[in-house]
Structure formats: C-alpha cells, structure tokens
C-alpha atoms as a PDB file:
ATOM      1  CA  UNK A   1      15.557   5.673  14.601  1.00  0.00           C
ATOM      2  CA  UNK A   2      13.136   4.820  17.213  1.00  0.00           C
ATOM      3  CA  UNK A   3       9.834   4.657  16.730  1.00  0.00           C
ATOM      4  CA  UNK A   4       8.304   8.153  17.603  1.00  0.00           C
ATOM      5  CA  UNK A   5      11.257   9.356  14.842  1.00  0.00           C
ATOM      6  CA  UNK A   6       9.759   6.917  12.514  1.00  0.00           C
ATOM      7  CA  UNK A   7       5.930   8.373  13.128  1.00  0.00           C
ATOM      8  CA  UNK A   8       7.029  11.876  12.742  1.00  0.00           C
ATOM      9  CA  UNK A   9       9.089  11.414   9.806  1.00  0.00           C
ATOM     10  CA  UNK A  10       7.532   9.136   7.851  1.00  0.00           C
ATOM     11  CA  UNK A  11       5.821  10.514   4.397  1.00  0.00           C
ATOM     12  CA  UNK A  12       3.805   9.490   1.623  1.00  0.00           C
ATOM     13  CA  UNK A  13       6.694   9.320  -1.209  1.00  0.00           C
ATOM     14  CA  UNK A  14       5.513   9.502  -4.626  1.00  0.00           C
ATOM     15  CA  UNK A  15       9.056   9.128  -6.454  1.00  0.00           C
ATOM     16  CA  UNK A  16      11.803   6.420  -5.800  1.00  0.00           C
ATOM     17  CA  UNK A  17      14.963   6.004  -6.991  1.00  0.00           C
ATOM     18  CA  UNK A  18      15.680   3.172  -9.322  1.00  0.00           C
ATOM     19  CA  UNK A  19      17.957   1.395  -6.844  1.00  0.00           C
ATOM     20  CA  UNK A  20      16.181  -2.104  -5.802  1.00  0.00           C
ATOM     21  CA  UNK A  21      15.195  -2.941  -2.421  1.00  0.00           C
ATOM     22  CA  UNK A  22      16.925  -6.170  -0.825  1.00  0.00           C
ATOM     23  CA  UNK A  23      14.604  -9.084  -0.830  1.00  0.00           C
ATOM     24  CA  UNK A  24      16.141  -9.604   2.772  1.00  0.00           C
ATOM     25  CA  UNK A  25      14.556  -5.923   3.479  1.00  0.00           C
ATOM     26  CA  UNK A  26      11.122  -6.884   2.343  1.00  0.00           C
ATOM     27  CA  UNK A  27      11.046 -10.129   4.078  1.00  0.00           C
ATOM     28  CA  UNK A  28      11.707  -8.153   7.459  1.00  0.00           C
ATOM     29  CA  UNK A  29       9.309  -5.663   6.778  1.00  0.00           C
ATOM     30  CA  UNK A  30       6.664  -8.372   6.183  1.00  0.00           C
ATOM     31  CA  UNK A  31       7.311  -9.981   9.345  1.00  0.00           C
ATOM     32  CA  UNK A  32       6.917  -6.516  10.949  1.00  0.00           C
ATOM     33  CA  UNK A  33       3.726  -6.442   9.384  1.00  0.00           C
ATOM     34  CA  UNK A  34       2.482  -9.643  10.267  1.00  0.00           C
ATOM     35  CA  UNK A  35       3.128  -8.780  13.671  1.00  0.00           C
ATOM     36  CA  UNK A  36      -0.092  -6.132  13.760  1.00  0.00           C
ATOM     37  CA  UNK A  37      -2.824  -6.748  16.642  1.00  0.00           C
ATOM     38  CA  UNK A  38      -5.380  -8.912  15.489  1.00  0.00           C
ATOM     39  CA  UNK A  39      -8.296  -9.671  17.943  1.00  0.00           C
ATOM     40  CA  UNK A  40      -9.553 -13.159  17.787  1.00  0.00           C
ATOM     41  CA  UNK A  41      -5.616 -14.138  16.118  1.00  0.00           C
ATOM     42  CA  UNK A  42      -7.843 -14.992  12.978  1.00  0.00           C
ATOM     43  CA  UNK A  43      -4.295 -14.263  10.994  1.00  0.00           C
ATOM     44  CA  UNK A  44      -6.665 -12.550   7.899  1.00  0.00           C
ATOM     45  CA  UNK A  45      -3.197 -11.204   6.641  1.00  0.00           C
ATOM     46  CA  UNK A  46      -1.973 -11.949   2.982  1.00  0.00           C
ATOM     47  CA  UNK A  47       0.883 -10.366   1.119  1.00  0.00           C
ATOM     48  CA  UNK A  48       1.450 -10.211  -2.299  1.00  0.00           C
ATOM     49  CA  UNK A  49       4.907  -9.144  -3.424  1.00  0.00           C
ATOM     50  CA  UNK A  50       4.581  -7.667  -7.178  1.00  0.00           C
ATOM     51  CA  UNK A  51       7.278  -8.626  -9.650  1.00  0.00           C
ATOM     52  CA  UNK A  52       7.701  -5.945 -12.837  1.00  0.00           C
ATOM     53  CA  UNK A  53       5.274  -8.047 -15.166  1.00  0.00           C
ATOM     54  CA  UNK A  54       2.445  -7.668 -12.035  1.00  0.00           C
ATOM     55  CA  UNK A  55       3.297  -4.521 -11.485  1.00  0.00           C
ATOM     56  CA  UNK A  56       2.748  -3.704 -15.361  1.00  0.00           C
ATOM     57  CA  UNK A  57      -0.320  -5.559 -15.444  1.00  0.00           C
ATOM     58  CA  UNK A  58      -1.915  -3.987 -12.288  1.00  0.00           C
ATOM     59  CA  UNK A  59      -0.460  -0.713 -13.909  1.00  0.00           C
ATOM     60  CA  UNK A  60      -2.451  -1.335 -17.222  1.00  0.00           C
ATOM     61  CA  UNK A  61      -5.653  -1.211 -14.964  1.00  0.00           C
ATOM     62  CA  UNK A  62      -5.062   1.608 -13.136  1.00  0.00           C
ATOM     63  CA  UNK A  63      -4.044   3.575 -16.518  1.00  0.00           C
ATOM     64  CA  UNK A  64      -7.409   2.098 -18.027  1.00  0.00           C
ATOM     65  CA  UNK A  65      -9.362   3.593 -15.197  1.00  0.00           C
ATOM     66  CA  UNK A  66      -7.596   6.939 -15.443  1.00  0.00           C
ATOM     67  CA  UNK A  67      -7.712   6.510 -19.360  1.00  0.00           C
ATOM     68  CA  UNK A  68     -11.552   6.347 -19.010  1.00  0.00           C
ATOM     69  CA  UNK A  69     -11.572  10.466 -18.751  1.00  0.00           C
ATOM     70  CA  UNK A  70      -9.820  10.788 -21.711  1.00  0.00           C
ATOM     71  CA  UNK A  71     -11.858  11.109 -24.734  1.00  0.00           C
ATOM     72  CA  UNK A  72      -9.357  10.959 -27.554  1.00  0.00           C
ATOM     73  CA  UNK A  73      -8.268   7.033 -28.046  1.00  0.00           C
ATOM     74  CA  UNK A  74      -4.727   7.488 -29.042  1.00  0.00           C
ATOM     75  CA  UNK A  75      -3.917   9.846 -25.889  1.00  0.00           C
ATOM     76  CA  UNK A  76      -5.751   7.173 -23.878  1.00  0.00           C
ATOM     77  CA  UNK A  77      -3.661   4.338 -24.731  1.00  0.00           C
ATOM     78  CA  UNK A  78      -0.721   6.836 -24.185  1.00  0.00           C
ATOM     79  CA  UNK A  79      -1.972   7.537 -20.493  1.00  0.00           C
ATOM     80  CA  UNK A  80      -2.443   3.414 -20.101  1.00  0.00           C
ATOM     81  CA  UNK A  81       1.050   2.737 -21.326  1.00  0.00           C
ATOM     82  CA  UNK A  82       2.373   5.534 -19.036  1.00  0.00           C
ATOM     83  CA  UNK A  83       1.193   4.612 -16.191  1.00  0.00           C
ATOM     84  CA  UNK A  84       1.788   0.656 -16.419  1.00  0.00           C
ATOM     85  CA  UNK A  85       5.401   1.604 -17.712  1.00  0.00           C
ATOM     86  CA  UNK A  86       5.725   4.334 -14.292  1.00  0.00           C
ATOM     87  CA  UNK A  87       4.370   1.226 -11.718  1.00  0.00           C
ATOM     88  CA  UNK A  88       6.305  -1.463 -13.339  1.00  0.00           C
ATOM     89  CA  UNK A  89       9.161   1.065 -12.482  1.00  0.00           C
ATOM     90  CA  UNK A  90       8.702   1.188  -8.723  1.00  0.00           C
ATOM     91  CA  UNK A  91      11.039  -0.776  -6.957  1.00  0.00           C
ATOM     92  CA  UNK A  92       8.893  -2.728  -4.974  1.00  0.00           C
ATOM     93  CA  UNK A  93       5.262  -2.978  -4.696  1.00  0.00           C
ATOM     94  CA  UNK A  94       2.899  -4.932  -2.077  1.00  0.00           C
ATOM     95  CA  UNK A  95      -0.597  -5.797  -2.117  1.00  0.00           C
ATOM     96  CA  UNK A  96      -2.126  -6.333   1.216  1.00  0.00           C
ATOM     97  CA  UNK A  97      -5.396  -8.270   1.573  1.00  0.00           C
ATOM     98  CA  UNK A  98      -7.419 -10.022   4.003  1.00  0.00           C
ATOM     99  CA  UNK A  99      -9.255 -13.080   4.246  1.00  0.00           C
ATOM    100  CA  UNK A 100     -12.960 -12.801   4.645  1.00  0.00           C
ATOM    101  CA  UNK A 101     -14.798 -13.754   7.827  1.00  0.00           C
ATOM    102  CA  UNK A 102     -18.811 -14.747   7.351  1.00  0.00           C
ATOM    103  CA  UNK A 103     -19.094 -12.550  10.910  1.00  0.00           C
ATOM    104  CA  UNK A 104     -18.965  -9.053   9.820  1.00  0.00           C
ATOM    105  CA  UNK A 105     -17.442  -7.690  13.440  1.00  0.00           C
ATOM    106  CA  UNK A 106     -14.500  -9.966  12.590  1.00  0.00           C
ATOM    107  CA  UNK A 107     -14.185  -8.909   9.098  1.00  0.00           C
ATOM    108  CA  UNK A 108     -14.051  -5.103  10.659  1.00  0.00           C
ATOM    109  CA  UNK A 109     -11.597  -5.915  13.142  1.00  0.00           C
ATOM    110  CA  UNK A 110      -9.955  -7.782  10.499  1.00  0.00           C
ATOM    111  CA  UNK A 111      -9.101  -4.696   8.218  1.00  0.00           C
ATOM    112  CA  UNK A 112      -8.415  -2.945  11.397  1.00  0.00           C
ATOM    113  CA  UNK A 113      -5.268  -5.559  11.522  1.00  0.00           C
ATOM    114  CA  UNK A 114      -4.606  -5.078   8.011  1.00  0.00           C
ATOM    115  CA  UNK A 115      -4.313  -1.144   8.663  1.00  0.00           C
ATOM    116  CA  UNK A 116      -2.231  -1.814  10.983  1.00  0.00           C
ATOM    117  CA  UNK A 117       0.292  -4.091   9.561  1.00  0.00           C
ATOM    118  CA  UNK A 118       0.483  -1.334   6.154  1.00  0.00           C
ATOM    119  CA  UNK A 119       1.560   1.103   9.364  1.00  0.00           C
ATOM    120  CA  UNK A 120       3.803  -1.338  10.909  1.00  0.00           C
ATOM    121  CA  UNK A 121       5.497  -1.989   7.213  1.00  0.00           C
ATOM    122  CA  UNK A 122       6.070   1.714   6.337  1.00  0.00           C
ATOM    123  CA  UNK A 123       7.344   2.873   9.967  1.00  0.00           C
ATOM    124  CA  UNK A 124       9.949   0.075   9.610  1.00  0.00           C
ATOM    125  CA  UNK A 125      10.677   0.725   5.918  1.00  0.00           C
ATOM    126  CA  UNK A 126      10.917   4.623   7.149  1.00  0.00           C
ATOM    127  CA  UNK A 127      13.618   3.108  10.120  1.00  0.00           C
ATOM    128  CA  UNK A 128      15.082   1.620   7.213  1.00  0.00           C
ATOM    129  CA  UNK A 129      15.787   4.516   5.244  1.00  0.00           C
ATOM    130  CA  UNK A 130      13.181   3.509   2.561  1.00  0.00           C
ATOM    131  CA  UNK A 131       9.943   5.427   1.383  1.00  0.00           C
ATOM    132  CA  UNK A 132       6.497   4.000   1.141  1.00  0.00           C
ATOM    133  CA  UNK A 133       3.234   5.225  -0.911  1.00  0.00           C
ATOM    134  CA  UNK A 134       0.181   3.572   0.460  1.00  0.00           C
ATOM    135  CA  UNK A 135      -2.892   3.435  -2.054  1.00  0.00           C
ATOM    136  CA  UNK A 136      -6.283   2.167  -1.588  1.00  0.00           C
ATOM    137  CA  UNK A 137      -9.631   3.123  -2.813  1.00  0.00           C
ATOM    138  CA  UNK A 138     -12.181   1.436  -5.048  1.00  0.00           C
ATOM    139  CA  UNK A 139      -9.475   0.315  -7.718  1.00  0.00           C
ATOM    140  CA  UNK A 140      -9.079  -2.225  -4.782  1.00  0.00           C
ATOM    141  CA  UNK A 141     -12.562  -3.850  -5.564  1.00  0.00           C
ATOM    142  CA  UNK A 142     -11.690  -3.814  -9.214  1.00  0.00           C
ATOM    143  CA  UNK A 143     -12.412  -7.227 -10.888  1.00  0.00           C
ATOM    144  CA  UNK A 144      -9.189  -6.549 -13.197  1.00  0.00           C
ATOM    145  CA  UNK A 145      -7.121  -5.490 -10.339  1.00  0.00           C
ATOM    146  CA  UNK A 146      -8.031  -8.679  -8.246  1.00  0.00           C
ATOM    147  CA  UNK A 147      -7.008 -10.656 -11.319  1.00  0.00           C
ATOM    148  CA  UNK A 148      -3.670  -8.692 -11.906  1.00  0.00           C
ATOM    149  CA  UNK A 149      -2.859  -9.380  -8.363  1.00  0.00           C
ATOM    150  CA  UNK A 150      -4.014 -12.691  -8.151  1.00  0.00           C
ATOM    151  CA  UNK A 151      -6.070 -12.373  -5.482  1.00  0.00           C
ATOM    152  CA  UNK A 152      -8.947 -15.083  -5.297  1.00  0.00           C
ATOM    153  CA  UNK A 153     -12.533 -15.134  -4.053  1.00  0.00           C
ATOM    154  CA  UNK A 154     -13.029 -14.915  -0.301  1.00  0.00           C
ATOM    155  CA  UNK A 155     -10.259 -11.889   0.059  1.00  0.00           C
ATOM    156  CA  UNK A 156     -10.624  -7.938  -0.006  1.00  0.00           C
ATOM    157  CA  UNK A 157      -7.668  -6.071  -1.209  1.00  0.00           C
ATOM    158  CA  UNK A 158      -7.148  -3.473   1.267  1.00  0.00           C
ATOM    159  CA  UNK A 159      -4.148  -1.533   0.236  1.00  0.00           C
ATOM    160  CA  UNK A 160      -0.976  -1.240  -2.110  1.00  0.00           C
ATOM    161  CA  UNK A 161       2.296  -0.029  -0.377  1.00  0.00           C
ATOM    162  CA  UNK A 162       4.802   0.988  -3.176  1.00  0.00           C
ATOM    163  CA  UNK A 163       8.188   1.254  -1.600  1.00  0.00           C
ATOM    164  CA  UNK A 164      11.521   2.217  -2.461  1.00  0.00           C
ATOM    165  CA  UNK A 165      14.704   4.653  -1.585  1.00  0.00           C
ATOM    166  CA  UNK A 166      13.090   8.188  -1.763  1.00  0.00           C
ATOM    167  CA  UNK A 167      14.280  10.435  -4.689  1.00  0.00           C
ATOM    168  CA  UNK A 168      12.880  13.333  -2.284  1.00  0.00           C
ATOM    169  CA  UNK A 169      11.501  13.595   0.612  1.00  0.00           C
ATOM    170  CA  UNK A 170       8.339  15.906   0.721  1.00  0.00           C
ATOM    171  CA  UNK A 171       7.644  18.398   3.788  1.00  0.00           C
ATOM    172  CA  UNK A 172       5.460  17.479   6.675  1.00  0.00           C
ATOM    173  CA  UNK A 173       1.882  18.706   6.181  1.00  0.00           C
ATOM    174  CA  UNK A 174       0.310  20.621   8.589  1.00  0.00           C
ATOM    175  CA  UNK A 175      -1.823  18.975  11.109  1.00  0.00           C
ATOM    176  CA  UNK A 176      -3.728  19.873  13.961  1.00  0.00           C
ATOM    177  CA  UNK A 177      -2.675  19.236  17.823  1.00  0.00           C
ATOM    178  CA  UNK A 178      -3.954  16.258  19.292  1.00  0.00           C
ATOM    179  CA  UNK A 179      -5.081  18.591  22.020  1.00  0.00           C
ATOM    180  CA  UNK A 180      -7.519  19.804  19.401  1.00  0.00           C
ATOM    181  CA  UNK A 181      -8.681  16.308  18.908  1.00  0.00           C
ATOM    182  CA  UNK A 182      -8.847  15.079  22.228  1.00  0.00           C
ATOM    183  CA  UNK A 183     -11.769  15.421  24.883  1.00  0.00           C
ATOM    184  CA  UNK A 184     -10.996  13.927  28.739  1.00  0.00           C
ATOM    185  CA  UNK A 185     -13.900  12.376  30.093  1.00  0.00           C
ATOM    186  CA  UNK A 186     -14.580  12.265  33.931  1.00  0.00           C
END
C-alpha cells in the first residue's frame, strides 16, 4: 500500500478482533512515529506501550470519569467496570507524550511533532492491515490518567492510540474538497 492509499483508507476503528498484534509490528510502527519532523531536534517524544494491567487501570480512570454522570452507585460501578474491561481487551494501546520545554514556542513545535508522530504510526498501521483509534482530550491531563500511565512530571500526554485488527471498517465520512478550503495567494 502506498502512502496515498493509506491516507485515503485510514479510519478510526472502534472495534477490534482479539487477535494479538506482534511486538515486532508495534516496534516497527514506533520507529515510524519517531521519524516525525522535529524542528529543533529536541526529540520530545515518549511512548508507553500499555500491557493488560495498565490498560485496565487506565480504563478504570476512563470509566470513573464516565460514571460521574450516573446517579445510581451500583450502575456507576458497572459503568466503570465495563469501560475498564473494554480497555483491557484492546490488543494494543500506546500512550504518546512529550517532554515539556521551558520555551512556549518549542513546546508548541514539540506538540506538532507528537501529532505528526501519531499520524505516522496510524498510517503505518493501516499499511500493515491494522486499525487505529486516536484518543485525546481532557482525560490526558487527569492526574489519575497520568498515574495509571506512569507519566512523570515534566511530560504532557498528547494522545493514546488503540490498535488491532479491525473487527469492522466504517465508511469514510464526507469531507469538503481541498479546493473549498484553499486560497491561492498572488
């Protein structure tokens, strides 16, 4: 598969089979991620490949956040358990973080590097027949998430990437053509 086809066919996969992903494939994808452009070669990227215990612990944090919206304590406990079990069952989860530079400009450049690394990894996975789902948001800064993921002070969690053999591949979402988003300047 060439890179254009990988870009066109990559989808967010939310359901995976239980087939394991070979460690060698994960290592190959991490190498691709580490090749992301990095303006000042600060090499801010850090990767954590979560084993089943860590996936469950991280899932418990996600579940606890989701369970806050449930009034019944037993129902809330069941929500937390369901999310923790679902996270544990994902074949591979990788947490991507960056070291935090004191300079705000470098921090912004390093964040851009991290997101390019995430895309490199996802496109590489697509080329290997694997699916991915990128997750980001406020949970990345939750102290419980940071603890579950073993992220020290001085690092920012940018995203987690779930990966495995797709159980199903969703249809592409309709997007505006590039021509509608482009201004050609003189």
